[in-house]
Amino acid sequence: MTSTFRARGRTAAALMAVAWLAAIGPAGCSTSTASPGKRVTLVAYSVSKSAYDAMQTAFVATPQGAGVTFAASYGPSGSQSKAVANGQQADYVAFSLEPDLSSLAPSFVDLGWNSGPTKGLVSDSVVVIAVRKGNPKGILGWDDLIKPGVTIVTPDPGSSGSAKWNVLAAYAHLLQNGGSDADAQTYLTAFFANVASKPASAAAATQTFLNGTGDVLISYENEAIAARQKGAPLDYVVPAESILIENPAAVTKHAPQAAKDFLVFAQSEAGQKIFASKGFRPVLGSVAAGPVQGANNPADPFPRVAKLETVADLGGWSVVNNKLFNKADGIVTRLLNGS
């Protein structure tokens, strides 16, 4: 198990070919009709919207982005992936977790989508615990969430990639502290007993919490930061144990060059600084996040997590999905069905 946030050796040197992207300036996406090959249809998971809105504005100010327009769709990661598989137009796809993207290969996305310098990733994050302003329940970590009287909002694992990350963080925190698999399952039973609402997506879960439901919201760090950037009255706790959220993106097999250039931009230092400004942890170790408004400490927005698990530590997505989320007899499936 890893105990620190890892850059995984991704450096700016690996992306020197995109040095032309370093200079960006303020610009808006054109509302005029794009010329052939200059329109990019983007399909992404809900909480990435603020980052991609800023990314599009910056990209069209570059030589490669000049004249490009975007049509964007946002929603629960799993639902978005299924929509593309069922024929929804998409040039650039960005999801919460790897299986939602790999399921589109090879029919819609090339098998080698994750073979580049960043292994197909465009952003990282960690699972945090959002609380009411001032933290009136005194929530400090995972064990506080199963106390009597604490109510939880977390998305539905059946549709939301964020929900799966949340469950994995809750499940793994017992293992990180020497607990057994049985201990972890017992914890999840108590955890779900305190869940008051399971909205379809992370963005919907945040809105549900802001509307007054629940004492805590299990969330991406970036989603909590983005909410605070918009003035939302919430605080958040980075627990001592969490999981490294890894968000992939790719272009589809028949995407125009503009979509390919946009992916390169997202993985460049310039793009990574935009992700960081919206609360995402950069996938390039060479990128200094700088001050991030809305973070607990804007000058040090992405604190080290004492015990940081990865999906690889848990055996990989095939093991995790079968064990926890299998629709027939996964641990989480059984708990949610009351069996």
C-alpha atoms as a PDB file:
ATOM      1  CA  MET A   1       0.000   0.000   0.000  1.00  0.00           C
ATOM      2  CA  THR A   2       1.288   3.434  -0.780  1.00  0.00           C
ATOM      3  CA  SER A   3       1.405   6.183   1.845  1.00  0.00           C
ATOM      4  CA  THR A   4       1.941   9.262  -0.295  1.00  0.00           C
ATOM      5  CA  PHE A   5       0.470  11.000  -3.290  1.00  0.00           C
ATOM      6  CA  ARG A   6       2.483   9.697  -6.182  1.00  0.00           C
ATOM      7  CA  ALA A   7       3.314  11.537  -9.372  1.00  0.00           C
ATOM      8  CA  ARG A   8       4.009   8.167 -11.025  1.00  0.00           C
ATOM      9  CA  GLY A   9       6.952   9.564 -12.946  1.00  0.00           C
ATOM     10  CA  ARG A  10       4.915  11.741 -15.234  1.00  0.00           C
ATOM     11  CA  THR A  11       7.090  14.681 -16.155  1.00  0.00           C
ATOM     12  CA  ALA A  12       6.868  17.657 -18.424  1.00  0.00           C
ATOM     13  CA  ALA A  13       9.748  16.270 -20.442  1.00  0.00           C
ATOM     14  CA  ALA A  14       7.468  13.508 -21.669  1.00  0.00           C
ATOM     15  CA  LEU A  15       5.262  16.130 -23.249  1.00  0.00           C
ATOM     16  CA  MET A  16       7.831  18.489 -24.789  1.00  0.00           C
ATOM     17  CA  ALA A  17       6.153  18.029 -28.142  1.00  0.00           C
ATOM     18  CA  VAL A  18       3.308  20.168 -26.874  1.00  0.00           C
ATOM     19  CA  ALA A  19       5.398  23.139 -25.748  1.00  0.00           C
ATOM     20  CA  TRP A  20       3.365  25.325 -28.075  1.00  0.00           C
ATOM     21  CA  LEU A  21       0.513  25.009 -25.594  1.00  0.00           C
ATOM     22  CA  ALA A  22       2.339  26.828 -22.799  1.00  0.00           C
ATOM     23  CA  ALA A  23       1.108  30.274 -23.730  1.00  0.00           C
ATOM     24  CA  ILE A  24      -2.596  30.700 -23.097  1.00  0.00           C
ATOM     25  CA  GLY A  25      -4.780  33.725 -22.619  1.00  0.00           C
ATOM     26  CA  PRO A  26      -8.369  34.677 -21.908  1.00  0.00           C
ATOM     27  CA  ALA A  27     -10.757  33.796 -24.690  1.00  0.00           C
ATOM     28  CA  GLY A  28     -14.281  32.491 -25.119  1.00  0.00           C
ATOM     29  CA  CYS A  29     -15.467  29.630 -27.260  1.00  0.00           C
ATOM     30  CA  SER A  30     -16.825  30.860 -30.560  1.00  0.00           C
ATOM     31  CA  THR A  31     -20.552  30.671 -31.076  1.00  0.00           C
ATOM     32  CA  SER A  32     -20.226  30.660 -34.860  1.00  0.00           C
ATOM     33  CA  THR A  33     -20.581  27.525 -36.935  1.00  0.00           C
ATOM     34  CA  ALA A  34     -17.285  25.641 -36.968  1.00  0.00           C
ATOM     35  CA  SER A  35     -15.643  24.570 -40.204  1.00  0.00           C
ATOM     36  CA  PRO A  36     -15.437  20.825 -40.867  1.00  0.00           C
ATOM     37  CA  GLY A  37     -13.127  19.186 -38.346  1.00  0.00           C
ATOM     38  CA  LYS A  38     -13.265  22.196 -36.036  1.00  0.00           C
ATOM     39  CA  ARG A  39     -16.199  21.084 -33.878  1.00  0.00           C
ATOM     40  CA  VAL A  40     -15.488  18.820 -30.899  1.00  0.00           C
ATOM     41  CA  THR A  41     -18.216  16.892 -29.105  1.00  0.00           C
ATOM     42  CA  LEU A  42     -17.169  16.287 -25.502  1.00  0.00           C
ATOM     43  CA  VAL A  43     -18.863  13.703 -23.269  1.00  0.00           C
ATOM     44  CA  ALA A  44     -17.737  13.780 -19.637  1.00  0.00           C
ATOM     45  CA  TYR A  45     -18.602  13.004 -16.025  1.00  0.00           C
ATOM     46  CA  SER A  46     -20.470  15.634 -14.067  1.00  0.00           C
ATOM     47  CA  VAL A  47     -17.919  17.129 -11.678  1.00  0.00           C
ATOM     48  CA  SER A  48     -15.375  17.834 -14.414  1.00  0.00           C
ATOM     49  CA  LYS A  49     -17.547  20.565 -15.969  1.00  0.00           C
ATOM     50  CA  SER A  50     -15.852  23.564 -14.368  1.00  0.00           C
ATOM     51  CA  ALA A  51     -12.420  22.341 -15.448  1.00  0.00           C
ATOM     52  CA  TYR A  52     -13.491  21.609 -19.007  1.00  0.00           C
ATOM     53  CA  ASP A  53     -15.296  24.935 -19.331  1.00  0.00           C
ATOM     54  CA  ALA A  54     -12.026  26.693 -18.465  1.00  0.00           C
ATOM     55  CA  MET A  55     -10.022  24.285 -20.628  1.00  0.00           C
ATOM     56  CA  GLN A  56     -12.094  25.015 -23.714  1.00  0.00           C
ATOM     57  CA  THR A  57     -11.692  28.756 -23.260  1.00  0.00           C
ATOM     58  CA  ALA A  58      -7.913  28.400 -22.942  1.00  0.00           C
ATOM     59  CA  PHE A  59      -7.591  25.949 -25.825  1.00  0.00           C
ATOM     60  CA  VAL A  60      -9.325  28.146 -28.412  1.00  0.00           C
ATOM     61  CA  ALA A  61      -6.742  30.843 -27.660  1.00  0.00           C
ATOM     62  CA  THR A  62      -3.938  28.573 -28.927  1.00  0.00           C
ATOM     63  CA  PRO A  63      -2.961  28.196 -32.599  1.00  0.00           C
ATOM     64  CA  GLN A  64      -4.259  24.601 -32.668  1.00  0.00           C
ATOM     65  CA  GLY A  65      -7.520  25.615 -31.029  1.00  0.00           C
ATOM     66  CA  ALA A  66      -8.278  28.626 -33.196  1.00  0.00           C
ATOM     67  CA  GLY A  67     -11.782  28.374 -34.616  1.00  0.00           C
ATOM     68  CA  VAL A  68     -12.681  25.231 -32.665  1.00  0.00           C
ATOM     69  CA  THR A  69     -16.127  25.042 -31.061  1.00  0.00           C
ATOM     70  CA  PHE A  70     -17.407  22.552 -28.514  1.00  0.00           C
ATOM     71  CA  ALA A  71     -20.635  20.729 -27.792  1.00  0.00           C
ATOM     72  CA  ALA A  72     -20.472  19.256 -24.288  1.00  0.00           C
ATOM     73  CA  SER A  73     -22.547  16.761 -22.322  1.00  0.00           C
ATOM     74  CA  TYR A  74     -22.082  16.059 -18.585  1.00  0.00           C
ATOM     75  CA  GLY A  75     -23.626  13.397 -16.360  1.00  0.00           C
ATOM     76  CA  PRO A  76     -22.919  10.329 -14.208  1.00  0.00           C
ATOM     77  CA  SER A  77     -19.767   8.636 -15.456  1.00  0.00           C
ATOM     78  CA  GLY A  78     -21.284   5.202 -15.971  1.00  0.00           C
ATOM     79  CA  SER A  79     -24.348   6.610 -17.694  1.00  0.00           C
ATOM     80  CA  GLN A  80     -22.214   8.753 -19.994  1.00  0.00           C
ATOM     81  CA  SER A  81     -20.104   5.770 -20.998  1.00  0.00           C
ATOM     82  CA  LYS A  82     -23.194   3.700 -21.755  1.00  0.00           C
ATOM     83  CA  ALA A  83     -24.637   6.542 -23.824  1.00  0.00           C
ATOM     84  CA  VAL A  84     -21.536   6.603 -26.034  1.00  0.00           C
ATOM     85  CA  ALA A  85     -21.660   2.815 -26.387  1.00  0.00           C
ATOM     86  CA  ASN A  86     -25.305   3.168 -27.456  1.00  0.00           C
ATOM     87  CA  GLY A  87     -24.517   5.666 -30.175  1.00  0.00           C
ATOM     88  CA  GLN A  88     -24.264   9.120 -28.610  1.00  0.00           C
ATOM     89  CA  GLN A  89     -21.950  11.317 -30.671  1.00  0.00           C
ATOM     90  CA  ALA A  90     -18.575  11.809 -28.979  1.00  0.00           C
ATOM     91  CA  ASP A  91     -15.121  12.936 -30.090  1.00  0.00           C
ATOM     92  CA  TYR A  92     -13.535  13.373 -26.669  1.00  0.00           C
ATOM     93  CA  VAL A  93     -14.605  11.249 -23.691  1.00  0.00           C
ATOM     94  CA  ALA A  94     -13.658  11.846 -20.059  1.00  0.00           C
ATOM     95  CA  PHE A  95     -14.861   9.617 -17.260  1.00  0.00           C
ATOM     96  CA  SER A  96     -14.486   9.217 -13.527  1.00  0.00           C
ATOM     97  CA  LEU A  97     -12.864   5.799 -13.654  1.00  0.00           C
ATOM     98  CA  GLU A  98     -10.950   3.572 -16.039  1.00  0.00           C
ATOM     99  CA  PRO A  99     -13.557   0.832 -16.637  1.00  0.00           C
ATOM    100  CA  ASP A 100     -16.018   3.384 -18.020  1.00  0.00           C
ATOM    101  CA  LEU A 101     -13.469   4.239 -20.698  1.00  0.00           C
ATOM    102  CA  SER A 102     -11.912   0.843 -21.348  1.00  0.00           C
ATOM    103  CA  SER A 103     -15.396  -0.596 -21.941  1.00  0.00           C
ATOM    104  CA  LEU A 104     -15.537   1.520 -25.124  1.00  0.00           C
ATOM    105  CA  ALA A 105     -12.438  -0.157 -26.590  1.00  0.00           C
ATOM    106  CA  PRO A 106     -11.981  -1.353 -29.242  1.00  0.00           C
ATOM    107  CA  SER A 107     -15.362  -0.501 -30.796  1.00  0.00           C
ATOM    108  CA  PHE A 108     -15.301   3.240 -30.081  1.00  0.00           C
ATOM    109  CA  VAL A 109     -11.840   3.966 -28.657  1.00  0.00           C
ATOM    110  CA  ASP A 110      -8.493   2.527 -29.730  1.00  0.00           C
ATOM    111  CA  LEU A 111      -7.069  -0.186 -27.467  1.00  0.00           C
ATOM    112  CA  GLY A 112      -3.925   1.894 -26.938  1.00  0.00           C
ATOM    113  CA  TRP A 113      -5.777   4.856 -25.424  1.00  0.00           C
ATOM    114  CA  ASN A 114      -3.849   4.443 -22.137  1.00  0.00           C
ATOM    115  CA  SER A 115      -0.354   3.908 -23.558  1.00  0.00           C
ATOM    116  CA  GLY A 116       0.843   7.534 -23.526  1.00  0.00           C
ATOM    117  CA  PRO A 117       3.068   9.356 -21.022  1.00  0.00           C
ATOM    118  CA  THR A 118       0.210   9.885 -18.537  1.00  0.00           C
ATOM    119  CA  LYS A 119      -1.286   6.405 -19.137  1.00  0.00           C
ATOM    120  CA  GLY A 120      -4.455   8.019 -20.431  1.00  0.00           C
ATOM    121  CA  LEU A 121      -5.052  10.048 -17.267  1.00  0.00           C
ATOM    122  CA  VAL A 122      -5.818  13.760 -17.256  1.00  0.00           C
ATOM    123  CA  SER A 123      -6.494  14.409 -13.559  1.00  0.00           C
ATOM    124  CA  ASP A 124      -6.233  12.957 -10.073  1.00  0.00           C
ATOM    125  CA  SER A 125      -8.076  13.619  -6.842  1.00  0.00           C
ATOM    126  CA  VAL A 126      -8.746  12.017  -3.461  1.00  0.00           C
ATOM    127  CA  VAL A 127     -11.939  11.182  -1.581  1.00  0.00           C
ATOM    128  CA  VAL A 128     -12.784  13.712   1.135  1.00  0.00           C
ATOM    129  CA  ILE A 129     -15.569  14.213   3.670  1.00  0.00           C
ATOM    130  CA  ALA A 130     -17.551  17.422   3.181  1.00  0.00           C
ATOM    131  CA  VAL A 131     -19.369  18.756   6.228  1.00  0.00           C
ATOM    132  CA  ARG A 132     -21.631  21.611   7.220  1.00  0.00           C
ATOM    133  CA  LYS A 133     -19.913  24.962   7.756  1.00  0.00           C
ATOM    134  CA  GLY A 134     -18.038  24.876  11.046  1.00  0.00           C
ATOM    135  CA  ASN A 135     -18.238  21.055  11.171  1.00  0.00           C
ATOM    136  CA  PRO A 136     -20.948  20.988  13.882  1.00  0.00           C
ATOM    137  CA  LYS A 137     -20.834  17.178  14.207  1.00  0.00           C
ATOM    138  CA  GLY A 138     -17.062  17.203  14.746  1.00  0.00           C
ATOM    139  CA  ILE A 139     -16.350  14.804  11.872  1.00  0.00           C
ATOM    140  CA  LEU A 140     -12.629  14.019  11.681  1.00  0.00           C
ATOM    141  CA  GLY A 141     -12.482  10.725   9.798  1.00  0.00           C
ATOM    142  CA  TRP A 142     -14.206   7.582   8.593  1.00  0.00           C
ATOM    143  CA  ASP A 143     -15.034   6.169  12.031  1.00  0.00           C
ATOM    144  CA  ASP A 144     -17.139   9.237  12.828  1.00  0.00           C
ATOM    145  CA  LEU A 145     -19.447   8.492   9.893  1.00  0.00           C
ATOM    146  CA  ILE A 146     -20.959   5.375  11.447  1.00  0.00           C
ATOM    147  CA  LYS A 147     -21.873   7.007  14.753  1.00  0.00           C
ATOM    148  CA  PRO A 148     -25.589   7.177  15.645  1.00  0.00           C
ATOM    149  CA  GLY A 149     -27.280  10.296  14.339  1.00  0.00           C
ATOM    150  CA  VAL A 150     -24.838  10.979  11.493  1.00  0.00           C
ATOM    151  CA  THR A 151     -26.483  11.010   8.048  1.00  0.00           C
ATOM    152  CA  ILE A 152     -24.537  10.627   4.804  1.00  0.00           C
ATOM    153  CA  VAL A 153     -25.040  11.721   1.204  1.00  0.00           C
ATOM    154  CA  THR A 154     -23.082   9.778  -1.436  1.00  0.00           C
ATOM    155  CA  PRO A 155     -23.943   9.033  -5.085  1.00  0.00           C
ATOM    156  CA  ASP A 156     -25.420   5.772  -6.362  1.00  0.00           C
ATOM    157  CA  PRO A 157     -22.733   3.193  -7.265  1.00  0.00           C
ATOM    158  CA  GLY A 158     -25.037   1.926 -10.013  1.00  0.00           C
ATOM    159  CA  SER A 159     -24.599   5.091 -12.081  1.00  0.00           C
ATOM    160  CA  SER A 160     -21.807   7.187 -10.590  1.00  0.00           C
ATOM    161  CA  GLY A 161     -18.080   6.646 -10.830  1.00  0.00           C
ATOM    162  CA  SER A 162     -17.642   8.990  -7.880  1.00  0.00           C
ATOM    163  CA  ALA A 163     -19.763   6.645  -5.780  1.00  0.00           C
ATOM    164  CA  LYS A 164     -17.409   3.747  -6.488  1.00  0.00           C
ATOM    165  CA  TRP A 165     -14.396   5.803  -5.441  1.00  0.00           C
ATOM    166  CA  ASN A 166     -16.218   6.822  -2.251  1.00  0.00           C
ATOM    167  CA  VAL A 167     -17.065   3.224  -1.366  1.00  0.00           C
ATOM    168  CA  LEU A 168     -13.522   2.066  -2.090  1.00  0.00           C
ATOM    169  CA  ALA A 169     -12.087   4.723   0.215  1.00  0.00           C
ATOM    170  CA  ALA A 170     -14.506   3.747   2.989  1.00  0.00           C
ATOM    171  CA  TYR A 171     -13.811   0.044   2.481  1.00  0.00           C
ATOM    172  CA  ALA A 172     -10.031   0.369   2.243  1.00  0.00           C
ATOM    173  CA  HIS A 173      -9.565   2.535   5.337  1.00  0.00           C
ATOM    174  CA  LEU A 174     -10.078  -0.557   7.532  1.00  0.00           C
ATOM    175  CA  LEU A 175      -7.509  -2.518   5.545  1.00  0.00           C
ATOM    176  CA  GLN A 176      -5.047   0.371   5.761  1.00  0.00           C
ATOM    177  CA  ASN A 177      -5.270   0.197   9.550  1.00  0.00           C
ATOM    178  CA  GLY A 178      -4.715  -3.540   9.787  1.00  0.00           C
ATOM    179  CA  GLY A 179      -8.331  -4.648   9.651  1.00  0.00           C
ATOM    180  CA  SER A 180      -9.517  -7.756   7.854  1.00  0.00           C
ATOM    181  CA  ASP A 181     -11.759  -7.988   4.834  1.00  0.00           C
ATOM    182  CA  ALA A 182     -14.574  -9.000   7.180  1.00  0.00           C
ATOM    183  CA  ASP A 183     -13.938  -5.852   9.238  1.00  0.00           C
ATOM    184  CA  ALA A 184     -14.163  -3.756   6.076  1.00  0.00           C
ATOM    185  CA  GLN A 185     -17.474  -5.345   5.117  1.00  0.00           C
ATOM    186  CA  THR A 186     -18.833  -4.766   8.616  1.00  0.00           C
ATOM    187  CA  TYR A 187     -17.867  -1.116   8.319  1.00  0.00           C
ATOM    188  CA  LEU A 188     -19.646  -0.777   4.969  1.00  0.00           C
ATOM    189  CA  THR A 189     -22.792  -2.254   6.501  1.00  0.00           C
ATOM    190  CA  ALA A 190     -22.786   0.454   9.181  1.00  0.00           C
ATOM    191  CA  PHE A 191     -21.825   3.108   6.620  1.00  0.00           C
ATOM    192  CA  PHE A 192     -24.754   2.379   4.313  1.00  0.00           C
ATOM    193  CA  ALA A 193     -27.112   2.219   7.268  1.00  0.00           C
ATOM    194  CA  ASN A 194     -26.372   5.934   7.764  1.00  0.00           C
ATOM    195  CA  VAL A 195     -26.767   6.900   4.086  1.00  0.00           C
ATOM    196  CA  ALA A 196     -29.760   9.225   3.737  1.00  0.00           C
ATOM    197  CA  SER A 197     -29.585   9.846  -0.029  1.00  0.00           C
ATOM    198  CA  LYS A 198     -27.914   8.311  -3.100  1.00  0.00           C
ATOM    199  CA  PRO A 199     -28.290  10.767  -6.020  1.00  0.00           C
ATOM    200  CA  ALA A 200     -27.375   9.674  -9.535  1.00  0.00           C
ATOM    201  CA  SER A 201     -24.144  11.676  -9.857  1.00  0.00           C
ATOM    202  CA  ALA A 202     -21.531  13.454  -7.770  1.00  0.00           C
ATOM    203  CA  ALA A 203     -22.808  16.845  -8.902  1.00  0.00           C
ATOM    204  CA  ALA A 204     -26.364  15.875  -7.946  1.00  0.00           C
ATOM    205  CA  ALA A 205     -25.111  14.624  -4.583  1.00  0.00           C
ATOM    206  CA  THR A 206     -23.425  17.945  -3.906  1.00  0.00           C
ATOM    207  CA  GLN A 207     -26.616  19.811  -4.740  1.00  0.00           C
ATOM    208  CA  THR A 208     -28.645  17.479  -2.535  1.00  0.00           C
ATOM    209  CA  PHE A 209     -26.291  18.189   0.363  1.00  0.00           C
ATOM    210  CA  LEU A 210     -26.393  21.938  -0.248  1.00  0.00           C
ATOM    211  CA  ASN A 211     -30.194  21.734  -0.276  1.00  0.00           C
ATOM    212  CA  GLY A 212     -30.062  20.528   3.319  1.00  0.00           C
ATOM    213  CA  THR A 213     -29.941  16.718   3.242  1.00  0.00           C
ATOM    214  CA  GLY A 214     -27.373  14.942   5.399  1.00  0.00           C
ATOM    215  CA  ASP A 215     -24.645  15.852   7.857  1.00  0.00           C
ATOM    216  CA  VAL A 216     -21.795  14.803   5.569  1.00  0.00           C
ATOM    217  CA  LEU A 217     -21.182  14.428   1.855  1.00  0.00           C
ATOM    218  CA  ILE A 218     -18.622  11.927   0.574  1.00  0.00           C
ATOM    219  CA  SER A 219     -17.009  13.713  -2.321  1.00  0.00           C
ATOM    220  CA  TYR A 220     -14.050  14.289  -4.585  1.00  0.00           C
ATOM    221  CA  GLU A 221     -11.611  16.822  -3.164  1.00  0.00           C
ATOM    222  CA  ASN A 222     -12.003  18.815  -6.386  1.00  0.00           C
ATOM    223  CA  GLU A 223     -15.798  18.846  -6.085  1.00  0.00           C
ATOM    224  CA  ALA A 224     -15.608  20.210  -2.532  1.00  0.00           C
ATOM    225  CA  ILE A 225     -13.136  22.882  -3.665  1.00  0.00           C
ATOM    226  CA  ALA A 226     -15.269  23.795  -6.686  1.00  0.00           C
ATOM    227  CA  ALA A 227     -18.349  24.155  -4.479  1.00  0.00           C
ATOM    228  CA  ARG A 228     -16.459  26.495  -2.159  1.00  0.00           C
ATOM    229  CA  GLN A 229     -15.204  28.494  -5.143  1.00  0.00           C
ATOM    230  CA  LYS A 230     -18.860  29.132  -5.951  1.00  0.00           C
ATOM    231  CA  GLY A 231     -19.531  30.277  -2.401  1.00  0.00           C
ATOM    232  CA  ALA A 232     -21.166  27.110  -1.089  1.00  0.00           C
ATOM    233  CA  PRO A 233     -21.350  27.017   2.734  1.00  0.00           C
ATOM    234  CA  LEU A 234     -19.436  23.801   3.380  1.00  0.00           C
ATOM    235  CA  ASP A 235     -16.131  22.675   4.812  1.00  0.00           C
ATOM    236  CA  TYR A 236     -14.257  19.489   4.024  1.00  0.00           C
ATOM    237  CA  VAL A 237     -11.953  17.079   5.807  1.00  0.00           C
ATOM    238  CA  VAL A 238      -9.121  15.219   4.071  1.00  0.00           C
ATOM    239  CA  PRO A 239      -9.123  11.972   6.077  1.00  0.00           C
ATOM    240  CA  ALA A 240      -5.933  10.233   7.144  1.00  0.00           C
ATOM    241  CA  GLU A 241      -6.863   7.335   4.842  1.00  0.00           C
ATOM    242  CA  SER A 242      -8.132   7.875   1.311  1.00  0.00           C
ATOM    243  CA  ILE A 243      -7.860   6.545  -2.219  1.00  0.00           C
ATOM    244  CA  LEU A 244      -6.157   8.072  -5.243  1.00  0.00           C
ATOM    245  CA  ILE A 245      -8.838   8.937  -7.781  1.00  0.00           C
ATOM    246  CA  GLU A 246      -7.515   8.589 -11.345  1.00  0.00           C
ATOM    247  CA  ASN A 247      -9.608  10.164 -14.118  1.00  0.00           C
ATOM    248  CA  PRO A 248      -9.006   9.039 -17.730  1.00  0.00           C
ATOM    249  CA  ALA A 249      -9.799  10.696 -21.054  1.00  0.00           C
ATOM    250  CA  ALA A 250      -9.418   9.690 -24.699  1.00  0.00           C
ATOM    251  CA  VAL A 251     -10.528  10.529 -28.199  1.00  0.00           C
ATOM    252  CA  THR A 252     -12.835   8.272 -30.144  1.00  0.00           C
ATOM    253  CA  LYS A 253     -11.705   6.387 -33.221  1.00  0.00           C
ATOM    254  CA  HIS A 254     -13.068   8.862 -35.748  1.00  0.00           C
ATOM    255  CA  ALA A 255     -12.410  12.058 -33.792  1.00  0.00           C
ATOM    256  CA  PRO A 256     -11.169  15.106 -35.728  1.00  0.00           C
ATOM    257  CA  GLN A 257      -7.652  16.447 -35.246  1.00  0.00           C
ATOM    258  CA  ALA A 258      -9.056  19.229 -33.066  1.00  0.00           C
ATOM    259  CA  ALA A 259     -10.175  16.653 -30.477  1.00  0.00           C
ATOM    260  CA  LYS A 260      -6.739  15.026 -30.515  1.00  0.00           C
ATOM    261  CA  ASP A 261      -5.107  18.413 -30.017  1.00  0.00           C
ATOM    262  CA  PHE A 262      -7.477  19.121 -27.141  1.00  0.00           C
ATOM    263  CA  LEU A 263      -6.461  15.873 -25.417  1.00  0.00           C
ATOM    264  CA  VAL A 264      -2.796  16.799 -25.793  1.00  0.00           C
ATOM    265  CA  PHE A 265      -3.617  20.181 -24.274  1.00  0.00           C
ATOM    266  CA  ALA A 266      -5.413  18.579 -21.311  1.00  0.00           C
ATOM    267  CA  GLN A 267      -2.312  16.477 -20.587  1.00  0.00           C
ATOM    268  CA  SER A 268       0.155  19.351 -21.016  1.00  0.00           C
ATOM    269  CA  GLU A 269       1.486  21.601 -18.254  1.00  0.00           C
ATOM    270  CA  ALA A 270      -0.875  24.355 -19.359  1.00  0.00           C
ATOM    271  CA  GLY A 271      -3.887  22.054 -19.174  1.00  0.00           C
ATOM    272  CA  GLN A 272      -2.784  20.553 -15.883  1.00  0.00           C
ATOM    273  CA  LYS A 273      -2.553  24.002 -14.309  1.00  0.00           C
ATOM    274  CA  ILE A 274      -6.164  24.584 -15.302  1.00  0.00           C
ATOM    275  CA  PHE A 275      -7.222  21.298 -13.727  1.00  0.00           C
ATOM    276  CA  ALA A 276      -5.338  22.284 -10.572  1.00  0.00           C
ATOM    277  CA  SER A 277      -7.057  25.668 -10.449  1.00  0.00           C
ATOM    278  CA  LYS A 278     -10.381  23.808 -10.268  1.00  0.00           C
ATOM    279  CA  GLY A 279      -9.255  21.557  -7.435  1.00  0.00           C
ATOM    280  CA  PHE A 280      -7.883  18.521  -9.303  1.00  0.00           C
ATOM    281  CA  ARG A 281      -4.457  17.130  -8.442  1.00  0.00           C
ATOM    282  CA  PRO A 282      -2.165  17.288 -11.513  1.00  0.00           C
ATOM    283  CA  VAL A 283      -1.025  14.060 -13.147  1.00  0.00           C
ATOM    284  CA  LEU A 284       2.307  15.686 -13.989  1.00  0.00           C
ATOM    285  CA  GLY A 285       4.707  15.818 -11.073  1.00  0.00           C
ATOM    286  CA  SER A 286       6.380  18.844 -12.633  1.00  0.00           C
ATOM    287  CA  VAL A 287       3.276  21.027 -12.279  1.00  0.00           C
ATOM    288  CA  ALA A 288       3.158  23.270  -9.221  1.00  0.00           C
ATOM    289  CA  ALA A 289      -0.489  23.833  -8.367  1.00  0.00           C
ATOM    290  CA  GLY A 290      -0.026  27.351  -7.032  1.00  0.00           C
ATOM    291  CA  PRO A 291      -2.719  29.077  -4.973  1.00  0.00           C
ATOM    292  CA  VAL A 292      -6.111  27.378  -5.378  1.00  0.00           C
ATOM    293  CA  GLN A 293      -9.129  29.334  -4.238  1.00  0.00           C
ATOM    294  CA  GLY A 294     -11.574  27.251  -2.202  1.00  0.00           C
ATOM    295  CA  ALA A 295      -8.974  24.824  -0.834  1.00  0.00           C
ATOM    296  CA  ASN A 296      -8.571  24.503   2.940  1.00  0.00           C
ATOM    297  CA  ASN A 297      -5.136  26.063   2.508  1.00  0.00           C
ATOM    298  CA  PRO A 298      -5.008  27.832  -0.879  1.00  0.00           C
ATOM    299  CA  ALA A 299      -1.206  28.050  -0.701  1.00  0.00           C
ATOM    300  CA  ASP A 300      -0.938  24.294  -0.131  1.00  0.00           C
ATOM    301  CA  PRO A 301      -4.131  23.025  -1.739  1.00  0.00           C
ATOM    302  CA  PHE A 302      -3.310  19.335  -2.038  1.00  0.00           C
ATOM    303  CA  PRO A 303      -1.997  18.071   1.305  1.00  0.00           C
ATOM    304  CA  ARG A 304      -0.250  14.767   1.666  1.00  0.00           C
ATOM    305  CA  VAL A 305      -2.586  11.934   2.636  1.00  0.00           C
ATOM    306  CA  ALA A 306      -1.041   9.799   5.367  1.00  0.00           C
ATOM    307  CA  LYS A 307      -2.334   6.512   3.928  1.00  0.00           C
ATOM    308  CA  LEU A 308      -3.227   6.710   0.264  1.00  0.00           C
ATOM    309  CA  GLU A 309      -4.526   3.573  -1.436  1.00  0.00           C
ATOM    310  CA  THR A 310      -4.719   2.959  -5.165  1.00  0.00           C
ATOM    311  CA  VAL A 311      -6.972   0.654  -7.153  1.00  0.00           C
ATOM    312  CA  ALA A 312      -3.836  -1.276  -8.105  1.00  0.00           C
ATOM    313  CA  ASP A 313      -3.183  -1.879  -4.397  1.00  0.00           C
ATOM    314  CA  LEU A 314      -6.636  -3.488  -4.182  1.00  0.00           C
ATOM    315  CA  GLY A 315      -5.979  -5.801  -7.123  1.00  0.00           C
ATOM    316  CA  GLY A 316      -7.102  -3.649 -10.059  1.00  0.00           C
ATOM    317  CA  TRP A 317     -10.520  -2.743 -11.387  1.00  0.00           C
ATOM    318  CA  SER A 318     -11.440  -6.241 -12.547  1.00  0.00           C
ATOM    319  CA  VAL A 319     -10.974  -7.575  -9.004  1.00  0.00           C
ATOM    320  CA  VAL A 320     -12.596  -4.559  -7.349  1.00  0.00           C
ATOM    321  CA  ASN A 321     -15.641  -4.501  -9.622  1.00  0.00           C
ATOM    322  CA  ASN A 322     -16.253  -8.215  -9.245  1.00  0.00           C
ATOM    323  CA  LYS A 323     -15.791  -8.226  -5.478  1.00  0.00           C
ATOM    324  CA  LEU A 324     -17.674  -5.083  -4.535  1.00  0.00           C
ATOM    325  CA  PHE A 325     -19.890  -4.065  -7.439  1.00  0.00           C
ATOM    326  CA  ASN A 326     -20.846  -7.249  -9.266  1.00  0.00           C
ATOM    327  CA  LYS A 327     -24.546  -6.842 -10.095  1.00  0.00           C
ATOM    328  CA  ALA A 328     -25.358 -10.352  -8.924  1.00  0.00           C
ATOM    329  CA  ASP A 329     -23.474 -10.815  -5.678  1.00  0.00           C
ATOM    330  CA  GLY A 330     -21.022  -7.953  -5.100  1.00  0.00           C
ATOM    331  CA  ILE A 331     -20.587  -6.809  -1.506  1.00  0.00           C
ATOM    332  CA  VAL A 332     -22.063  -3.371  -2.179  1.00  0.00           C
ATOM    333  CA  THR A 333     -24.852  -4.796  -4.334  1.00  0.00           C
ATOM    334  CA  ARG A 334     -25.920  -7.099  -1.508  1.00  0.00           C
ATOM    335  CA  LEU A 335     -25.805  -4.312   1.051  1.00  0.00           C
ATOM    336  CA  LEU A 336     -27.892  -1.966  -1.068  1.00  0.00           C
ATOM    337  CA  ASN A 337     -30.395  -4.742  -1.724  1.00  0.00           C
ATOM    338  CA  GLY A 338     -30.639  -5.546   1.966  1.00  0.00           C
ATOM    339  CA  SER A 339     -29.247  -9.035   1.612  1.00  0.00           C
END
